[in-house]
Each structure stands twice: as structure tokens, then as C-alpha cells.
Protein backbone atom coordinates (compact mmCIF):
# COMPACT_ATOMS: atom_id res chain seq x y z
CA UNK A 1 -9.26 13.03 -33.19
CA UNK A 2 -11.40 9.94 -33.71
CA UNK A 3 -12.74 7.84 -30.88
CA UNK A 4 -10.03 5.24 -31.56
CA UNK A 5 -7.13 7.71 -31.75
CA UNK A 6 -5.15 8.10 -28.57
CA UNK A 7 -2.41 10.49 -27.55
CA UNK A 8 1.07 8.94 -27.38
CA UNK A 9 2.30 7.76 -24.00
CA UNK A 10 4.59 10.07 -22.10
CA UNK A 11 6.26 9.22 -18.78
CA UNK A 12 7.91 12.04 -16.83
CA UNK A 13 9.72 11.00 -13.64
CA UNK A 14 10.75 13.34 -10.85
CA UNK A 15 11.73 12.89 -7.22
CA UNK A 16 9.73 14.49 -4.45
CA UNK A 17 10.99 13.79 -0.97
CA UNK A 18 11.65 10.07 -0.80
CA UNK A 19 9.07 9.33 -3.48
CA UNK A 20 9.31 8.97 -7.24
CA UNK A 21 6.50 10.74 -9.07
CA UNK A 22 5.67 9.39 -12.51
CA UNK A 23 3.39 11.68 -14.51
CA UNK A 24 1.62 9.46 -17.02
CA UNK A 25 0.22 11.40 -19.99
CA UNK A 26 -1.64 10.13 -23.03
CA UNK A 27 -2.58 6.51 -23.52
CA UNK A 28 -1.16 3.28 -22.18
CA UNK A 29 -2.04 1.13 -25.18
CA UNK A 30 -1.20 -2.52 -25.63
CA UNK A 31 2.01 -1.54 -27.43
CA UNK A 32 3.04 0.91 -24.66
CA UNK A 33 2.30 -1.22 -21.60
CA UNK A 34 5.84 -2.62 -21.48
CA UNK A 35 7.30 0.89 -21.23
CA UNK A 36 5.20 1.60 -18.16
CA UNK A 37 5.96 -1.79 -16.60
CA UNK A 38 9.71 -1.38 -17.18
CA UNK A 39 9.68 2.12 -15.66
CA UNK A 40 7.80 0.99 -12.55
CA UNK A 41 9.92 -2.13 -12.09
CA UNK A 42 13.12 -0.08 -12.50
CA UNK A 43 12.01 2.35 -9.78
CA UNK A 44 10.97 -0.54 -7.55
CA UNK A 45 14.36 -2.14 -8.16
CA UNK A 46 15.98 1.07 -6.89
CA UNK A 47 13.98 0.43 -3.70
CA UNK A 48 12.07 3.70 -3.97
CA UNK A 49 9.67 3.42 -1.01
CA UNK A 50 6.76 5.20 -2.71
CA UNK A 51 5.97 5.49 -6.41
CA UNK A 52 3.23 8.01 -7.14
CA UNK A 53 1.46 7.71 -10.49
CA UNK A 54 0.01 11.10 -11.42
CA UNK A 55 -2.82 10.24 -13.83
CA UNK A 56 -4.61 13.54 -14.52
CA UNK A 57 -3.49 13.52 -18.17
CA UNK A 58 -3.92 9.80 -18.87
CA UNK A 59 -6.78 9.43 -21.32
CA UNK A 60 -6.76 5.65 -21.80
CA UNK A 61 -5.26 2.51 -20.29
CA UNK A 62 -5.45 -0.96 -21.82
CA UNK A 63 -5.79 -4.18 -19.87
CA UNK A 64 -2.06 -4.73 -20.41
CA UNK A 65 -1.47 -1.25 -18.97
CA UNK A 66 -3.39 -2.24 -15.84
CA UNK A 67 -1.26 -5.37 -15.73
CA UNK A 68 1.87 -3.20 -15.93
CA UNK A 69 0.76 -1.25 -12.85
CA UNK A 70 0.02 -4.49 -10.99
CA UNK A 71 3.43 -5.88 -11.99
CA UNK A 72 5.08 -2.72 -10.67
CA UNK A 73 3.04 -3.04 -7.48
CA UNK A 74 4.23 -6.61 -6.91
CA UNK A 75 7.86 -5.60 -7.44
CA UNK A 76 7.40 -2.65 -5.05
CA UNK A 77 5.91 -4.89 -2.38
CA UNK A 78 8.88 -7.24 -2.75
CA UNK A 79 11.08 -4.27 -1.73
CA UNK A 80 8.57 -3.08 0.91
CA UNK A 81 7.45 -0.17 -1.25
CA UNK A 82 4.08 0.92 -2.55
CA UNK A 83 2.41 2.53 -5.53
CA UNK A 84 -0.14 5.30 -5.06
CA UNK A 85 -2.44 6.76 -7.70
CA UNK A 86 -3.20 10.46 -7.97
CA UNK A 87 -6.04 12.27 -9.68
CA UNK A 88 -7.11 9.75 -12.35
CA UNK A 89 -9.36 11.08 -15.09
CA UNK A 90 -13.03 10.09 -14.88
CA UNK A 91 -12.65 7.35 -17.51
CA UNK A 92 -9.55 5.89 -15.87
CA UNK A 93 -11.10 6.11 -12.39
CA UNK A 94 -14.19 4.25 -13.61
CA UNK A 95 -11.99 1.46 -14.99
CA UNK A 96 -9.97 1.30 -11.76
CA UNK A 97 -13.19 1.06 -9.74
CA UNK A 98 -14.72 -1.55 -12.06
CA UNK A 99 -11.61 -3.73 -11.72
CA UNK A 100 -11.48 -3.00 -7.96
CA UNK A 101 -7.92 -1.72 -8.27
CA UNK A 102 -8.87 1.31 -6.17
CA UNK A 103 -8.94 -1.12 -3.24
CA UNK A 104 -5.39 -2.28 -4.00
CA UNK A 105 -3.87 1.18 -4.49
CA UNK A 106 -4.46 4.34 -2.52
CA UNK A 107 -6.11 7.00 -4.71
CA UNK A 108 -5.32 10.59 -3.73
CA UNK A 109 -6.35 14.04 -4.89
CA UNK A 110 -2.81 15.44 -5.10
CA UNK A 111 0.82 14.34 -5.28
CA UNK A 112 1.51 16.20 -2.04
CA UNK A 113 -1.22 14.28 -0.23
CA UNK A 114 0.06 10.92 -1.54
CA UNK A 115 3.66 11.70 -0.56
CA UNK A 116 2.64 13.05 2.86
CA UNK A 117 0.69 9.89 3.67
CA UNK A 118 3.59 7.59 2.78
């Protein structure tokens, strides 16, 4: 795999307690950002109180991908919900810290911890 090649985006959604857990695998490229935004906004529209993004298998996120998470966050807040981030890879965590998004979202070590602290 070249430095520019990324794994395709995969979104797996499951329910855990009152939360929706979205396992994000692969890359959230410019062309895939809408898929992530639509998924998050749909869950927020269902008034899911907590959306947990499990990021341990996300290898890349574009600026539009970050925008998709922020868009989902705004929709969640409108319905009094929240988005929490779990176990981002080192590269993704560095980007989240650089953009100060770790201050906007709670970052947790496990899905269980994020759900428990809802």
C-alpha cells in the first residue's frame, strides 16, 4: 500500500445500552465524508442520547471528515445528545489534538467507559 492509498470506509452501527456505537474503519476521505455525516445526523435525528465513535481502526480522516463529525455533534446537541470518541489511532488522535477537537468531544479508552459515563 502506498502512502496515498487508504482503506475504504466502513461504518458498523450497533446499540449498547441507550447508546449507538459506530465503529469507523478505514479512511474518511473527502469522497466519504458525506456518508459519515449522514450516519451521524440520522442517529441524532433518532434522538439517540449518546453516539460513540469507535476509532481504533480509522487510519485517516480528511478535513471534510472532521467537519462531518462536527455536523453530527451540532445535530446531537440540538436533540440534547452527545458524541464521544473512543480509542483513536495515534495519527487520528494527533489531528484531533491539533484541531482542539479533543476539548469538544470526550475521548475515552473503551466503548464501555464512554457509555458508562453518559
